[in-house]
C-alpha atoms as a PDB file:
ATOM      1  CA  MET A   1     227.479  69.376 112.476  1.00  0.00           C
ATOM      2  CA  LYS A   2     224.261  70.702 113.938  1.00  0.00           C
ATOM      3  CA  ASN A   3     221.656  67.943 113.595  1.00  0.00           C
ATOM      4  CA  VAL A   4     222.360  65.199 111.079  1.00  0.00           C
ATOM      5  CA  LYS A   5     219.260  65.705 108.918  1.00  0.00           C
ATOM      6  CA  ARG A   6     220.200  69.274 108.139  1.00  0.00           C
ATOM      7  CA  TRP A   7     223.971  69.079 108.353  1.00  0.00           C
ATOM      8  CA  ALA A   8     224.761  69.521 104.680  1.00  0.00           C
ATOM      9  CA  ALA A   9     222.215  72.319 104.406  1.00  0.00           C
ATOM     10  CA  LEU A  10     223.737  74.066 107.401  1.00  0.00           C
ATOM     11  CA  LEU A  11     227.147  73.799 105.819  1.00  0.00           C
ATOM     12  CA  LEU A  12     225.749  75.785 102.914  1.00  0.00           C
ATOM     13  CA  LEU A  13     223.942  78.318 105.076  1.00  0.00           C
ATOM     14  CA  GLY A  14     226.291  78.615 107.991  1.00  0.00           C
ATOM     15  CA  LEU A  15     229.861  78.041 106.839  1.00  0.00           C
ATOM     16  CA  SER A  16     229.684  79.786 103.497  1.00  0.00           C
ATOM     17  CA  LEU A  17     230.387  83.173 105.002  1.00  0.00           C
ATOM     18  CA  ALA A  18     233.545  81.889 106.678  1.00  0.00           C
ATOM     19  CA  GLY A  19     235.379  81.605 103.385  1.00  0.00           C
ATOM     20  CA  CYS A  20     234.066  84.741 101.745  1.00  0.00           C
ATOM     21  CA  GLN A  21     235.188  87.970 103.338  1.00  0.00           C
ATOM     22  CA  ARG A  22     233.613  91.043 101.824  1.00  0.00           C
ATOM     23  CA  THR A  23     235.791  93.591 100.110  1.00  0.00           C
ATOM     24  CA  GLU A  24     235.201  97.297  99.814  1.00  0.00           C
ATOM     25  CA  GLY A  25     233.615  98.546  96.620  1.00  0.00           C
ATOM     26  CA  GLU A  26     232.165  96.262  93.965  1.00  0.00           C
ATOM     27  CA  PRO A  27     231.805  92.614  95.005  1.00  0.00           C
ATOM     28  CA  THR A  28     234.019  90.082  93.276  1.00  0.00           C
ATOM     29  CA  LEU A  29     232.544  87.295  91.161  1.00  0.00           C
ATOM     30  CA  VAL A  30     233.113  84.829  94.011  1.00  0.00           C
ATOM     31  CA  GLU A  31     231.416  87.133  96.498  1.00  0.00           C
ATOM     32  CA  THR A  32     228.467  87.541  94.134  1.00  0.00           C
ATOM     33  CA  GLY A  33     228.285  83.776  93.773  1.00  0.00           C
ATOM     34  CA  MET A  34     228.405  83.197  97.518  1.00  0.00           C
ATOM     35  CA  ALA A  35     225.627  85.746  98.065  1.00  0.00           C
ATOM     36  CA  ALA A  36     223.511  83.804  95.573  1.00  0.00           C
ATOM     37  CA  VAL A  37     224.267  80.526  97.384  1.00  0.00           C
ATOM     38  CA  GLU A  38     223.108  82.071 100.647  1.00  0.00           C
ATOM     39  CA  LYS A  39     219.815  83.013  98.963  1.00  0.00           C
ATOM     40  CA  GLY A  40     219.403  79.584  97.398  1.00  0.00           C
ATOM     41  CA  ASP A  41     219.851  80.954  93.845  1.00  0.00           C
ATOM     42  CA  TYR A  42     222.175  78.148  92.805  1.00  0.00           C
ATOM     43  CA  GLN A  43     222.010  78.624  89.016  1.00  0.00           C
ATOM     44  CA  GLU A  44     222.824  82.303  89.407  1.00  0.00           C
ATOM     45  CA  ALA A  45     225.678  81.331  91.741  1.00  0.00           C
ATOM     46  CA  LEU A  46     227.077  78.907  89.157  1.00  0.00           C
ATOM     47  CA  SER A  47     227.099  81.636  86.533  1.00  0.00           C
ATOM     48  CA  SER A  48     229.332  83.788  88.735  1.00  0.00           C
ATOM     49  CA  PHE A  49     231.613  80.919  89.737  1.00  0.00           C
ATOM     50  CA  ASP A  50     231.964  79.686  86.143  1.00  0.00           C
ATOM     51  CA  THR A  51     233.029  83.162  85.030  1.00  0.00           C
ATOM     52  CA  ALA A  52     235.543  83.412  87.876  1.00  0.00           C
ATOM     53  CA  ILE A  53     236.973  80.004  86.941  1.00  0.00           C
ATOM     54  CA  ALA A  54     237.195  80.959  83.258  1.00  0.00           C
ATOM     55  CA  ASP A  55     239.049  84.122  84.301  1.00  0.00           C
ATOM     56  CA  GLY A  56     241.376  82.081  86.500  1.00  0.00           C
ATOM     57  CA  LYS A  57     240.560  84.250  89.522  1.00  0.00           C
ATOM     58  CA  ASP A  58     240.319  83.100  93.148  1.00  0.00           C
ATOM     59  CA  LEU A  59     240.153  79.496  91.957  1.00  0.00           C
ATOM     60  CA  ILE A  60     240.022  77.753  95.330  1.00  0.00           C
ATOM     61  CA  ARG A  61     236.936  79.625  96.461  1.00  0.00           C
ATOM     62  CA  ALA A  62     235.408  79.606  92.983  1.00  0.00           C
ATOM     63  CA  TYR A  63     235.671  75.809  92.688  1.00  0.00           C
ATOM     64  CA  ARG A  64     234.468  75.403  96.262  1.00  0.00           C
ATOM     65  CA  GLY A  65     231.544  77.728  95.639  1.00  0.00           C
ATOM     66  CA  ALA A  66     230.566  75.822  92.504  1.00  0.00           C
ATOM     67  CA  GLY A  67     230.630  72.618  94.534  1.00  0.00           C
ATOM     68  CA  MET A  68     228.323  74.198  97.095  1.00  0.00           C
ATOM     69  CA  ALA A  69     225.936  75.343  94.379  1.00  0.00           C
ATOM     70  CA  TYR A  70     225.776  71.856  92.874  1.00  0.00           C
ATOM     71  CA  MET A  71     225.109  70.497  96.361  1.00  0.00           C
ATOM     72  CA  GLY A  72     222.175  72.856  96.636  1.00  0.00           C
ATOM     73  CA  LEU A  73     220.872  71.565  93.310  1.00  0.00           C
ATOM     74  CA  GLY A  74     221.230  67.976  94.474  1.00  0.00           C
ATOM     75  CA  GLU A  75     223.906  67.207  91.846  1.00  0.00           C
ATOM     76  CA  TYR A  76     226.302  65.581  94.276  1.00  0.00           C
ATOM     77  CA  GLU A  77     228.617  63.921  91.757  1.00  0.00           C
ATOM     78  CA  LYS A  78     229.377  67.302  90.186  1.00  0.00           C
ATOM     79  CA  ALA A  79     229.751  68.832  93.647  1.00  0.00           C
ATOM     80  CA  VAL A  80     232.380  66.240  94.564  1.00  0.00           C
ATOM     81  CA  GLN A  81     234.274  66.930  91.333  1.00  0.00           C
ATOM     82  CA  PHE A  82     234.424  70.661  91.989  1.00  0.00           C
ATOM     83  CA  PHE A  83     235.559  70.121  95.578  1.00  0.00           C
ATOM     84  CA  ASP A  84     238.337  67.936  94.148  1.00  0.00           C
ATOM     85  CA  GLN A  85     239.285  70.823  91.848  1.00  0.00           C
ATOM     86  CA  ALA A  86     239.347  73.181  94.817  1.00  0.00           C
ATOM     87  CA  LEU A  87     241.576  70.786  96.758  1.00  0.00           C
ATOM     88  CA  SER A  88     243.934  70.473  93.790  1.00  0.00           C
ATOM     89  CA  GLU A  89     244.505  74.240  93.913  1.00  0.00           C
ATOM     90  CA  THR A  90     245.531  74.206  97.587  1.00  0.00           C
ATOM     91  CA  LYS A  91     248.993  73.729  98.999  1.00  0.00           C
ATOM     92  CA  GLU A  92     249.714  71.088 101.623  1.00  0.00           C
ATOM     93  CA  GLN A  93     250.383  73.738 104.273  1.00  0.00           C
ATOM     94  CA  GLN A  94     246.913  75.260 103.796  1.00  0.00           C
ATOM     95  CA  LYS A  95     245.506  72.853 106.361  1.00  0.00           C
ATOM     96  CA  GLU A  96     242.483  74.892 107.478  1.00  0.00           C
ATOM     97  CA  THR A  97     241.450  75.584 103.880  1.00  0.00           C
ATOM     98  CA  ARG A  98     241.817  71.927 102.940  1.00  0.00           C
ATOM     99  CA  LYS A  99     239.852  70.836 106.005  1.00  0.00           C
ATOM    100  CA  ASP A 100     237.039  73.264 105.167  1.00  0.00           C
ATOM    101  CA  ILE A 101     236.736  71.911 101.611  1.00  0.00           C
ATOM    102  CA  LEU A 102     236.923  68.312 102.829  1.00  0.00           C
ATOM    103  CA  TYR A 103     233.975  68.938 105.155  1.00  0.00           C
ATOM    104  CA  TYR A 104     231.927  70.134 102.176  1.00  0.00           C
ATOM    105  CA  GLN A 105     233.033  67.133 100.160  1.00  0.00           C
ATOM    106  CA  ALA A 106     232.121  64.785 102.993  1.00  0.00           C
ATOM    107  CA  ALA A 107     228.687  66.409 103.112  1.00  0.00           C
ATOM    108  CA  ALA A 108     228.262  65.892  99.375  1.00  0.00           C
ATOM    109  CA  PHE A 109     229.247  62.217  99.599  1.00  0.00           C
ATOM    110  CA  TYR A 110     226.876  61.780 102.553  1.00  0.00           C
ATOM    111  CA  ARG A 111     223.944  63.359 100.728  1.00  0.00           C
ATOM    112  CA  TRP A 112     224.837  61.165  97.746  1.00  0.00           C
ATOM    113  CA  GLN A 113     224.531  58.215 100.160  1.00  0.00           C
ATOM    114  CA  ASN A 114     228.064  57.136  99.336  1.00  0.00           C
ATOM    115  CA  TYR A 115     228.953  56.248 102.909  1.00  0.00           C
ATOM    116  CA  GLU A 116     232.289  54.576 102.124  1.00  0.00           C
ATOM    117  CA  LYS A 117     233.569  57.738 100.429  1.00  0.00           C
ATOM    118  CA  THR A 118     232.193  59.864 103.270  1.00  0.00           C
ATOM    119  CA  ILE A 119     234.168  57.785 105.763  1.00  0.00           C
ATOM    120  CA  GLU A 120     237.273  58.048 103.582  1.00  0.00           C
ATOM    121  CA  THR A 121     236.916  61.835 103.343  1.00  0.00           C
ATOM    122  CA  CYS A 122     236.378  62.144 107.091  1.00  0.00           C
ATOM    123  CA  GLY A 123     239.599  60.160 107.512  1.00  0.00           C
ATOM    124  CA  LYS A 124     241.420  62.870 105.569  1.00  0.00           C
ATOM    125  CA  ILE A 125     239.915  65.494 107.887  1.00  0.00           C
ATOM    126  CA  LEU A 126     241.007  63.499 110.930  1.00  0.00           C
ATOM    127  CA  ASP A 127     244.543  63.335 109.521  1.00  0.00           C
ATOM    128  CA  ILE A 128     244.550  67.128 109.724  1.00  0.00           C
ATOM    129  CA  SER A 129     242.700  67.508 113.024  1.00  0.00           C
ATOM    130  CA  GLY A 130     240.954  64.988 115.289  1.00  0.00           C
ATOM    131  CA  GLU A 131     237.688  66.886 115.444  1.00  0.00           C
ATOM    132  CA  GLY A 132     234.453  65.652 116.959  1.00  0.00           C
ATOM    133  CA  ASP A 133     232.393  66.470 113.871  1.00  0.00           C
ATOM    134  CA  ALA A 134     234.505  64.240 111.617  1.00  0.00           C
ATOM    135  CA  PHE A 135     234.335  61.347 114.090  1.00  0.00           C
ATOM    136  CA  CYS A 136     230.593  61.889 114.392  1.00  0.00           C
ATOM    137  CA  LEU A 137     229.900  61.834 110.663  1.00  0.00           C
ATOM    138  CA  THR A 138     232.047  58.713 110.383  1.00  0.00           C
ATOM    139  CA  GLY A 139     229.919  57.098 113.080  1.00  0.00           C
ATOM    140  CA  ILE A 140     226.715  58.110 111.324  1.00  0.00           C
ATOM    141  CA  CYS A 141     227.925  56.454 108.119  1.00  0.00           C
ATOM    142  CA  TYR A 142     228.787  53.239 109.916  1.00  0.00           C
ATOM    143  CA  LEU A 143     225.318  53.293 111.474  1.00  0.00           C
ATOM    144  CA  LYS A 144     223.802  53.686 108.005  1.00  0.00           C
ATOM    145  CA  LYS A 145     225.853  50.678 106.914  1.00  0.00           C
ATOM    146  CA  GLY A 146     224.498  48.648 109.837  1.00  0.00           C
ATOM    147  CA  ASP A 147     227.792  48.461 111.743  1.00  0.00           C
ATOM    148  CA  GLU A 148     226.653  49.570 115.204  1.00  0.00           C
ATOM    149  CA  LYS A 149     229.942  48.636 116.871  1.00  0.00           C
ATOM    150  CA  ALA A 150     232.063  50.831 114.568  1.00  0.00           C
ATOM    151  CA  ALA A 151     229.472  53.583 114.881  1.00  0.00           C
ATOM    152  CA  GLN A 152     229.736  53.561 118.673  1.00  0.00           C
ATOM    153  CA  VAL A 153     233.541  53.608 118.560  1.00  0.00           C
ATOM    154  CA  ASN A 154     233.435  56.764 116.450  1.00  0.00           C
ATOM    155  CA  PHE A 155     230.652  58.394 118.451  1.00  0.00           C
ATOM    156  CA  ASP A 156     232.626  57.827 121.644  1.00  0.00           C
ATOM    157  CA  ALA A 157     235.699  59.315 119.954  1.00  0.00           C
ATOM    158  CA  ALA A 158     233.593  62.318 118.910  1.00  0.00           C
ATOM    159  CA  VAL A 159     232.426  62.896 122.473  1.00  0.00           C
ATOM    160  CA  GLU A 160     235.980  62.514 123.775  1.00  0.00           C
ATOM    161  CA  ALA A 161     237.214  65.073 121.232  1.00  0.00           C
ATOM    162  CA  SER A 162     234.406  67.572 121.950  1.00  0.00           C
ATOM    163  CA  PRO A 163     233.067  66.690 125.408  1.00  0.00           C
ATOM    164  CA  GLU A 164     231.143  69.941 125.907  1.00  0.00           C
ATOM    165  CA  ASP A 165     229.555  70.237 122.451  1.00  0.00           C
ATOM    166  CA  TYR A 166     225.838  69.741 123.152  1.00  0.00           C
ATOM    167  CA  ASP A 167     224.986  69.765 119.451  1.00  0.00           C
ATOM    168  CA  LEU A 168     227.281  66.815 118.893  1.00  0.00           C
ATOM    169  CA  TYR A 169     225.292  64.735 121.392  1.00  0.00           C
ATOM    170  CA  LEU A 170     222.098  65.759 119.584  1.00  0.00           C
ATOM    171  CA  ASP A 171     223.602  64.720 116.242  1.00  0.00           C
ATOM    172  CA  ILE A 172     224.354  61.293 117.654  1.00  0.00           C
ATOM    173  CA  TYR A 173     220.869  60.987 119.112  1.00  0.00           C
ATOM    174  CA  GLU A 174     219.283  61.943 115.777  1.00  0.00           C
ATOM    175  CA  ALA A 175     221.423  59.366 113.977  1.00  0.00           C
ATOM    176  CA  TYR A 176     220.240  56.585 116.259  1.00  0.00           C
ATOM    177  CA  LYS A 177     216.655  57.843 116.098  1.00  0.00           C
ATOM    178  CA  GLU A 178     216.686  57.660 112.282  1.00  0.00           C
ATOM    179  CA  GLU A 179     217.700  54.011 112.558  1.00  0.00           C
ATOM    180  CA  LYS A 180     214.967  53.374 115.171  1.00  0.00           C
ATOM    181  CA  LEU A 181     217.559  52.989 117.921  1.00  0.00           C
ATOM    182  CA  SER A 182     216.399  55.892 120.088  1.00  0.00           C
ATOM    183  CA  ALA A 183     217.121  54.049 123.335  1.00  0.00           C
ATOM    184  CA  THR A 184     220.830  53.967 122.468  1.00  0.00           C
ATOM    185  CA  GLY A 185     220.684  57.596 121.378  1.00  0.00           C
ATOM    186  CA  ASP A 186     219.104  58.534 124.688  1.00  0.00           C
ATOM    187  CA  GLU A 187     222.270  57.365 126.441  1.00  0.00           C
ATOM    188  CA  TYR A 188     224.246  60.109 124.716  1.00  0.00           C
ATOM    189  CA  LEU A 189     221.673  62.724 125.672  1.00  0.00           C
ATOM    190  CA  GLN A 190     221.961  61.597 129.281  1.00  0.00           C
ATOM    191  CA  LYS A 191     225.739  62.029 129.008  1.00  0.00           C
ATOM    192  CA  ALA A 192     225.198  65.590 127.777  1.00  0.00           C
ATOM    193  CA  LEU A 193     223.223  66.357 130.921  1.00  0.00           C
ATOM    194  CA  THR A 194     226.303  65.517 133.022  1.00  0.00           C
ATOM    195  CA  ILE A 195     228.364  68.334 131.512  1.00  0.00           C
ATOM    196  CA  GLU A 196     229.521  70.249 134.571  1.00  0.00           C
ATOM    197  CA  LYS A 197     228.872  73.809 133.520  1.00  0.00           C
ATOM    198  CA  ASP A 198     226.278  76.132 134.986  1.00  0.00           C
ATOM    199  CA  THR A 199     225.959  79.114 132.668  1.00  0.00           C
ATOM    200  CA  LYS A 200     222.781  80.469 131.111  1.00  0.00           C
ATOM    201  CA  GLU A 201     223.898  79.058 127.774  1.00  0.00           C
ATOM    202  CA  ASP A 202     224.236  75.639 129.381  1.00  0.00           C
ATOM    203  CA  ALA A 203     220.740  75.951 130.851  1.00  0.00           C
ATOM    204  CA  TYR A 204     219.372  76.520 127.354  1.00  0.00           C
ATOM    205  CA  HIS A 205     221.267  73.561 125.896  1.00  0.00           C
ATOM    206  CA  LYS A 206     220.169  71.276 128.719  1.00  0.00           C
ATOM    207  CA  ALA A 207     216.575  72.417 128.210  1.00  0.00           C
ATOM    208  CA  LYS A 208     216.954  71.392 124.577  1.00  0.00           C
ATOM    209  CA  ILE A 209     218.243  67.972 125.662  1.00  0.00           C
ATOM    210  CA  TYR A 210     215.267  67.534 128.008  1.00  0.00           C
ATOM    211  CA  TYR A 211     212.975  68.565 125.138  1.00  0.00           C
ATOM    212  CA  TYR A 212     214.378  65.773 122.984  1.00  0.00           C
ATOM    213  CA  LEU A 213     213.978  63.376 125.905  1.00  0.00           C
ATOM    214  CA  GLU A 214     210.350  64.562 126.159  1.00  0.00           C
ATOM    215  CA  ASN A 215     210.916  65.620 129.774  1.00  0.00           C
ATOM    216  CA  TYR A 216     209.061  68.871 129.277  1.00  0.00           C
ATOM    217  CA  GLU A 217     208.820  69.707 132.985  1.00  0.00           C
ATOM    218  CA  LYS A 218     212.606  69.702 133.358  1.00  0.00           C
ATOM    219  CA  ALA A 219     213.006  71.588 130.090  1.00  0.00           C
ATOM    220  CA  GLN A 220     210.716  74.354 131.327  1.00  0.00           C
ATOM    221  CA  GLU A 221     212.576  74.530 134.632  1.00  0.00           C
ATOM    222  CA  GLN A 222     215.833  75.116 132.776  1.00  0.00           C
ATOM    223  CA  LEU A 223     214.239  77.830 130.630  1.00  0.00           C
ATOM    224  CA  ALA A 224     212.248  79.691 133.310  1.00  0.00           C
ATOM    225  CA  GLU A 225     214.932  82.256 134.180  1.00  0.00           C
ATOM    226  CA  LEU A 226     215.924  82.776 130.542  1.00  0.00           C
ATOM    227  CA  VAL A 227     212.333  83.366 129.451  1.00  0.00           C
ATOM    228  CA  GLY A 228     211.944  85.852 132.317  1.00  0.00           C
ATOM    229  CA  GLU A 229     214.949  87.696 130.928  1.00  0.00           C
ATOM    230  CA  LYS A 230     213.369  87.722 127.439  1.00  0.00           C
ATOM    231  CA  ASP A 231     216.025  85.477 125.919  1.00  0.00           C
ATOM    232  CA  GLY A 232     215.029  84.902 122.283  1.00  0.00           C
ATOM    233  CA  ASP A 233     216.247  81.312 121.915  1.00  0.00           C
ATOM    234  CA  ALA A 234     214.556  80.358 125.174  1.00  0.00           C
ATOM    235  CA  LEU A 235     211.242  81.851 124.033  1.00  0.00           C
ATOM    236  CA  LEU A 236     211.381  79.917 120.761  1.00  0.00           C
ATOM    237  CA  LEU A 237     212.132  76.648 122.529  1.00  0.00           C
ATOM    238  CA  MET A 238     209.416  77.268 125.105  1.00  0.00           C
ATOM    239  CA  GLY A 239     207.004  77.757 122.215  1.00  0.00           C
ATOM    240  CA  LYS A 240     207.931  74.305 120.890  1.00  0.00           C
ATOM    241  CA  ILE A 241     207.494  72.785 124.334  1.00  0.00           C
ATOM    242  CA  ALA A 242     204.041  74.332 124.734  1.00  0.00           C
ATOM    243  CA  LEU A 243     202.991  72.849 121.392  1.00  0.00           C
ATOM    244  CA  ALA A 244     204.372  69.445 122.421  1.00  0.00           C
ATOM    245  CA  LEU A 245     202.250  69.734 125.585  1.00  0.00           C
ATOM    246  CA  GLU A 246     199.206  70.303 123.323  1.00  0.00           C
ATOM    247  CA  ASP A 247     198.779  73.920 124.393  1.00  0.00           C
ATOM    248  CA  PRO A 248     198.798  75.708 121.016  1.00  0.00           C
ATOM    249  CA  VAL A 249     197.285  78.902 122.445  1.00  0.00           C
ATOM    250  CA  ARG A 250     200.208  79.331 124.843  1.00  0.00           C
ATOM    251  CA  SER A 251     202.614  78.308 122.104  1.00  0.00           C
ATOM    252  CA  ALA A 252     201.338  81.013 119.748  1.00  0.00           C
ATOM    253  CA  GLY A 253     201.488  83.525 122.594  1.00  0.00           C
ATOM    254  CA  LEU A 254     205.154  82.772 123.231  1.00  0.00           C
ATOM    255  CA  TYR A 255     206.006  83.291 119.559  1.00  0.00           C
ATOM    256  CA  GLU A 256     204.015  86.543 119.547  1.00  0.00           C
ATOM    257  CA  GLN A 257     205.961  87.604 122.640  1.00  0.00           C
ATOM    258  CA  TYR A 258     209.182  86.849 120.763  1.00  0.00           C
ATOM    259  CA  ILE A 259     208.082  89.030 117.841  1.00  0.00           C
ATOM    260  CA  ALA A 260     207.096  91.874 120.155  1.00  0.00           C
ATOM    261  CA  GLU A 261     210.249  91.787 122.267  1.00  0.00           C
ATOM    262  CA  ILE A 262     212.948  90.411 119.934  1.00  0.00           C
ATOM    263  CA  GLY A 263     211.652  91.060 116.432  1.00  0.00           C
ATOM    264  CA  GLU A 264     210.112  89.371 113.415  1.00  0.00           C
ATOM    265  CA  THR A 265     211.759  86.232 112.063  1.00  0.00           C
ATOM    266  CA  PRO A 266     210.572  83.447 109.759  1.00  0.00           C
ATOM    267  CA  GLU A 267     211.099  80.964 112.595  1.00  0.00           C
ATOM    268  CA  ALA A 268     208.756  82.842 114.937  1.00  0.00           C
ATOM    269  CA  TYR A 269     206.033  83.092 112.293  1.00  0.00           C
ATOM    270  CA  ASN A 270     206.477  79.404 111.525  1.00  0.00           C
ATOM    271  CA  GLY A 271     205.880  78.669 115.202  1.00  0.00           C
ATOM    272  CA  ILE A 272     202.639  80.648 115.100  1.00  0.00           C
ATOM    273  CA  ALA A 273     201.625  78.837 111.921  1.00  0.00           C
ATOM    274  CA  LEU A 274     202.163  75.432 113.544  1.00  0.00           C
ATOM    275  CA  ALA A 275     200.123  76.504 116.576  1.00  0.00           C
ATOM    276  CA  GLU A 276     197.279  77.659 114.311  1.00  0.00           C
ATOM    277  CA  ILE A 277     197.426  74.423 112.304  1.00  0.00           C
ATOM    278  CA  ALA A 278     197.140  72.509 115.592  1.00  0.00           C
ATOM    279  CA  GLN A 279     193.945  74.503 116.273  1.00  0.00           C
ATOM    280  CA  GLU A 280     192.716  73.805 112.729  1.00  0.00           C
ATOM    281  CA  ASP A 281     192.668  77.532 111.929  1.00  0.00           C
ATOM    282  CA  TYR A 282     194.355  77.163 108.575  1.00  0.00           C
ATOM    283  CA  ASP A 283     193.590  80.676 107.345  1.00  0.00           C
ATOM    284  CA  ALA A 284     195.324  82.134 110.417  1.00  0.00           C
ATOM    285  CA  ALA A 285     198.258  79.787 109.779  1.00  0.00           C
ATOM    286  CA  LEU A 286     198.524  80.973 106.173  1.00  0.00           C
ATOM    287  CA  ALA A 287     198.379  84.608 107.304  1.00  0.00           C
ATOM    288  CA  ALA A 288     201.332  83.993 109.651  1.00  0.00           C
ATOM    289  CA  ILE A 289     203.212  82.182 106.889  1.00  0.00           C
ATOM    290  CA  GLN A 290     202.774  85.102 104.501  1.00  0.00           C
ATOM    291  CA  LYS A 291     204.123  87.513 107.115  1.00  0.00           C
ATOM    292  CA  GLY A 292     207.196  85.322 107.552  1.00  0.00           C
ATOM    293  CA  LEU A 293     207.777  84.940 103.836  1.00  0.00           C
ATOM    294  CA  ALA A 294     207.585  88.717 103.378  1.00  0.00           C
ATOM    295  CA  LEU A 295     210.694  89.194 105.546  1.00  0.00           C
ATOM    296  CA  GLU A 296     214.115  89.654 103.954  1.00  0.00           C
ATOM    297  CA  GLU A 297     215.754  87.042 106.174  1.00  0.00           C
ATOM    298  CA  GLU A 298     216.127  83.722 104.347  1.00  0.00           C
ATOM    299  CA  GLN A 299     216.882  81.387 107.236  1.00  0.00           C
ATOM    300  CA  GLY A 300     213.719  79.606 108.329  1.00  0.00           C
ATOM    301  CA  LYS A 301     211.752  80.198 105.142  1.00  0.00           C
ATOM    302  CA  GLN A 302     212.003  76.600 103.969  1.00  0.00           C
ATOM    303  CA  GLU A 303     209.867  75.502 106.914  1.00  0.00           C
ATOM    304  CA  LEU A 304     207.342  78.222 106.086  1.00  0.00           C
ATOM    305  CA  TYR A 305     207.064  77.085 102.481  1.00  0.00           C
ATOM    306  CA  PHE A 306     206.582  73.472 103.602  1.00  0.00           C
ATOM    307  CA  ASN A 307     203.918  74.327 106.166  1.00  0.00           C
ATOM    308  CA  GLU A 308     202.149  76.444 103.566  1.00  0.00           C
ATOM    309  CA  ILE A 309     201.649  73.200 101.619  1.00  0.00           C
ATOM    310  CA  VAL A 310     200.379  71.492 104.779  1.00  0.00           C
ATOM    311  CA  ALA A 311     197.885  74.273 105.512  1.00  0.00           C
ATOM    312  CA  TYR A 312     196.405  74.200 102.017  1.00  0.00           C
ATOM    313  CA  GLU A 313     196.271  70.405 102.134  1.00  0.00           C
ATOM    314  CA  GLN A 314     194.398  70.526 105.452  1.00  0.00           C
ATOM    315  CA  LYS A 315     191.998  73.059 103.928  1.00  0.00           C
ATOM    316  CA  ARG A 316     191.457  70.423 101.231  1.00  0.00           C
ATOM    317  CA  ASP A 317     192.528  72.952  98.632  1.00  0.00           C
ATOM    318  CA  PHE A 318     194.522  70.273  96.851  1.00  0.00           C
ATOM    319  CA  ALA A 319     195.059  72.242  93.648  1.00  0.00           C
ATOM    320  CA  THR A 320     196.846  75.049  95.503  1.00  0.00           C
ATOM    321  CA  ALA A 321     198.695  72.588  97.738  1.00  0.00           C
ATOM    322  CA  ARG A 322     199.889  70.687  94.667  1.00  0.00           C
ATOM    323  CA  ALA A 323     201.106  73.868  92.963  1.00  0.00           C
ATOM    324  CA  LYS A 324     202.913  74.946  96.156  1.00  0.00           C
ATOM    325  CA  ALA A 325     204.498  71.492  96.489  1.00  0.00           C
ATOM    326  CA  GLU A 326     205.770  71.595  92.902  1.00  0.00           C
ATOM    327  CA  ALA A 327     207.312  75.013  93.524  1.00  0.00           C
ATOM    328  CA  TYR A 328     208.815  73.753  96.788  1.00  0.00           C
ATOM    329  CA  VAL A 329     210.497  70.774  95.122  1.00  0.00           C
ATOM    330  CA  GLU A 330     211.915  73.051  92.449  1.00  0.00           C
ATOM    331  CA  LYS A 331     213.306  75.399  95.105  1.00  0.00           C
ATOM    332  CA  TYR A 332     214.499  72.652  97.484  1.00  0.00           C
ATOM    333  CA  PRO A 333     215.253  69.661  95.231  1.00  0.00           C
ATOM    334  CA  THR A 334     217.140  67.718  97.908  1.00  0.00           C
ATOM    335  CA  ASP A 335     214.379  67.728 100.527  1.00  0.00           C
ATOM    336  CA  GLU A 336     212.916  64.223 100.759  1.00  0.00           C
ATOM    337  CA  ALA A 337     209.872  65.304 102.783  1.00  0.00           C
ATOM    338  CA  GLY A 338     208.965  67.810 100.075  1.00  0.00           C
ATOM    339  CA  GLN A 339     209.358  65.207  97.357  1.00  0.00           C
ATOM    340  CA  LYS A 340     207.088  62.763  99.217  1.00  0.00           C
ATOM    341  CA  GLU A 341     204.491  65.477  99.762  1.00  0.00           C
ATOM    342  CA  ALA A 342     204.531  66.400  96.086  1.00  0.00           C
ATOM    343  CA  GLU A 343     204.169  62.744  95.086  1.00  0.00           C
ATOM    344  CA  PHE A 344     201.223  62.305  97.445  1.00  0.00           C
ATOM    345  CA  LEU A 345     199.470  65.458  96.228  1.00  0.00           C
ATOM    346  CA  SER A 346     199.860  64.347  92.627  1.00  0.00           C
ATOM    347  CA  THR A 347     197.508  61.471  93.448  1.00  0.00           C
ATOM    348  CA  VAL A 348     194.703  63.411  95.205  1.00  0.00           C
ATOM    349  CA  GLY A 349     192.125  66.007  94.286  1.00  0.00           C
END
């Protein structure tokens, strides 16, 4: 569950490949549909999945894929129905397959804000395997319902089940932060810092924890060796830290270093764009955004599209910002920040 705000989106982007092995030769209808999901072309994906279902081929993955596509479109009730269809095609002994589908269904219920059904679905996952992610999402739902005691019980169970999963601690922190209970969330971040491992990967994760705690000095200490070794993730995080320390020039330089030494990615160009926006050089920000959007890689482009709106808005080019916001909402219909931005821009200019 990597960060509660984006969990359902990450399920779509990150887990979709797990259930869709490529075959040699022409792709199957399900494979074509999954490729469309990965690109965010949900209507195109549905066309492939619907045909596969009509043909009675690979029904579990076809129903699951259709559920994912409806999730991407923000049609959560339909998504839940298709995940039910996928589950009905499984056999009881297919525990890993059932668990995978249940995670998607839990995500759909959560995005639908049906917290009772999310908890119920997580219970089914926990009947299969007592995983930290399922306990964590259960805790998040209880927190949304205002039951802090039940939330803590489940968060503690999540940590006990996955004691070395740094992302889990961050999920819990984000959940508390959303409910304006950051002080309680901080306690879980402090627990993460006590994980007794001393690898380079752990140094990066602990730097990330310190970043969330706004202890930028400690974060930079953890990253120093990794940055010296030109570690890509460390460079990206150091860029964020520099921006948080109100040093946008250094921040942009770190992202440029990443591009020179690691390669071009939408995330790196987004970092440059944010640094340029902080310096009120909106044309330079838009130039970086266009470079990022021109890349084939999809991951990270949503942030670029959003910050493109911000840059035009700051330029006071409200007509262009409004048009970009309308296109953004059409492309990412479930993003609340985009919807709010579009609503605001409809009232200005």
